[in-house]
């Protein structure tokens, strides 16, 4: 199940803004790009983890009792 691009964009923006707050004002563009790439990776990992949980739950429900 894919999320709307705006949902992903909003999550990415929140993650980057949160992490930028740790570095203070005027971050370099290189830092912003690095944090954006890390946010993308974190979102992908979270989605994969969520999918594995859903799959495990479905498999458990389908298992014979």
C-alpha atoms as a PDB file:
ATOM      1  CA  UNK A   1       0.000   0.000   0.000  1.00  0.00           C
ATOM      2  CA  UNK A   2       1.664   3.208  -1.192  1.00  0.00           C
ATOM      3  CA  UNK A   3       1.265   6.478   0.606  1.00  0.00           C
ATOM      4  CA  UNK A   4       0.533   9.730  -1.151  1.00  0.00           C
ATOM      5  CA  UNK A   5       3.687  11.614  -2.164  1.00  0.00           C
ATOM      6  CA  UNK A   6       2.687  14.548   0.047  1.00  0.00           C
ATOM      7  CA  UNK A   7       2.651  12.267   3.099  1.00  0.00           C
ATOM      8  CA  UNK A   8       6.165  11.095   2.330  1.00  0.00           C
ATOM      9  CA  UNK A   9       7.270  14.652   1.633  1.00  0.00           C
ATOM     10  CA  UNK A  10       5.812  15.863   4.906  1.00  0.00           C
ATOM     11  CA  UNK A  11       7.514  13.078   6.851  1.00  0.00           C
ATOM     12  CA  UNK A  12      10.822  13.785   5.139  1.00  0.00           C
ATOM     13  CA  UNK A  13      10.485  17.513   5.843  1.00  0.00           C
ATOM     14  CA  UNK A  14       9.743  16.870   9.520  1.00  0.00           C
ATOM     15  CA  UNK A  15      12.702  14.518   9.874  1.00  0.00           C
ATOM     16  CA  UNK A  16      15.114  16.924   8.172  1.00  0.00           C
ATOM     17  CA  UNK A  17      13.870  19.934  10.154  1.00  0.00           C
ATOM     18  CA  UNK A  18      14.166  18.015  13.402  1.00  0.00           C
ATOM     19  CA  UNK A  19      17.737  16.986  12.625  1.00  0.00           C
ATOM     20  CA  UNK A  20      18.700  20.435  11.367  1.00  0.00           C
ATOM     21  CA  UNK A  21      17.644  21.878  14.702  1.00  0.00           C
ATOM     22  CA  UNK A  22      20.591  20.017  16.226  1.00  0.00           C
ATOM     23  CA  UNK A  23      23.068  21.910  14.036  1.00  0.00           C
ATOM     24  CA  UNK A  24      21.956  25.493  14.626  1.00  0.00           C
ATOM     25  CA  UNK A  25      21.276  28.252  12.121  1.00  0.00           C
ATOM     26  CA  UNK A  26      22.660  28.433   8.586  1.00  0.00           C
ATOM     27  CA  UNK A  27      23.472  24.794   7.826  1.00  0.00           C
ATOM     28  CA  UNK A  28      25.489  24.079   4.708  1.00  0.00           C
ATOM     29  CA  UNK A  29      23.705  22.806   1.620  1.00  0.00           C
ATOM     30  CA  UNK A  30      25.877  19.687   1.845  1.00  0.00           C
ATOM     31  CA  UNK A  31      24.537  18.979   5.343  1.00  0.00           C
ATOM     32  CA  UNK A  32      20.947  19.533   4.212  1.00  0.00           C
ATOM     33  CA  UNK A  33      21.432  17.140   1.280  1.00  0.00           C
ATOM     34  CA  UNK A  34      23.019  14.537   3.555  1.00  0.00           C
ATOM     35  CA  UNK A  35      20.144  14.789   6.026  1.00  0.00           C
ATOM     36  CA  UNK A  36      17.615  14.507   3.190  1.00  0.00           C
ATOM     37  CA  UNK A  37      19.298  11.332   1.936  1.00  0.00           C
ATOM     38  CA  UNK A  38      19.362   9.896   5.469  1.00  0.00           C
ATOM     39  CA  UNK A  39      15.681  10.759   5.904  1.00  0.00           C
ATOM     40  CA  UNK A  40      14.865   8.904   2.670  1.00  0.00           C
ATOM     41  CA  UNK A  41      16.742   5.851   3.938  1.00  0.00           C
ATOM     42  CA  UNK A  42      15.013   5.997   7.320  1.00  0.00           C
ATOM     43  CA  UNK A  43      11.581   6.245   5.683  1.00  0.00           C
ATOM     44  CA  UNK A  44      12.374   3.253   3.442  1.00  0.00           C
ATOM     45  CA  UNK A  45      13.573   1.220   6.442  1.00  0.00           C
ATOM     46  CA  UNK A  46      10.462   2.115   8.431  1.00  0.00           C
ATOM     47  CA  UNK A  47       8.204   1.085   5.547  1.00  0.00           C
ATOM     48  CA  UNK A  48      10.051  -2.207   5.117  1.00  0.00           C
ATOM     49  CA  UNK A  49       9.750  -2.887   8.840  1.00  0.00           C
ATOM     50  CA  UNK A  50       6.042  -2.054   8.802  1.00  0.00           C
ATOM     51  CA  UNK A  51       5.529  -4.349   5.831  1.00  0.00           C
ATOM     52  CA  UNK A  52       7.349  -7.188   7.594  1.00  0.00           C
ATOM     53  CA  UNK A  53       5.123  -6.734  10.654  1.00  0.00           C
ATOM     54  CA  UNK A  54       1.985  -6.793   8.526  1.00  0.00           C
ATOM     55  CA  UNK A  55       3.222  -9.891   6.698  1.00  0.00           C
ATOM     56  CA  UNK A  56       4.061 -11.665   9.957  1.00  0.00           C
ATOM     57  CA  UNK A  57       0.639 -10.798  11.358  1.00  0.00           C
ATOM     58  CA  UNK A  58      -1.114 -12.107   8.246  1.00  0.00           C
ATOM     59  CA  UNK A  59       0.958 -15.291   8.303  1.00  0.00           C
ATOM     60  CA  UNK A  60       0.106 -15.822  11.955  1.00  0.00           C
ATOM     61  CA  UNK A  61      -3.584 -15.356  11.201  1.00  0.00           C
ATOM     62  CA  UNK A  62      -3.384 -17.818   8.312  1.00  0.00           C
ATOM     63  CA  UNK A  63      -1.526 -20.492  10.281  1.00  0.00           C
ATOM     64  CA  UNK A  64      -3.576 -23.559  11.148  1.00  0.00           C
ATOM     65  CA  UNK A  65      -4.514 -23.865  14.785  1.00  0.00           C
END
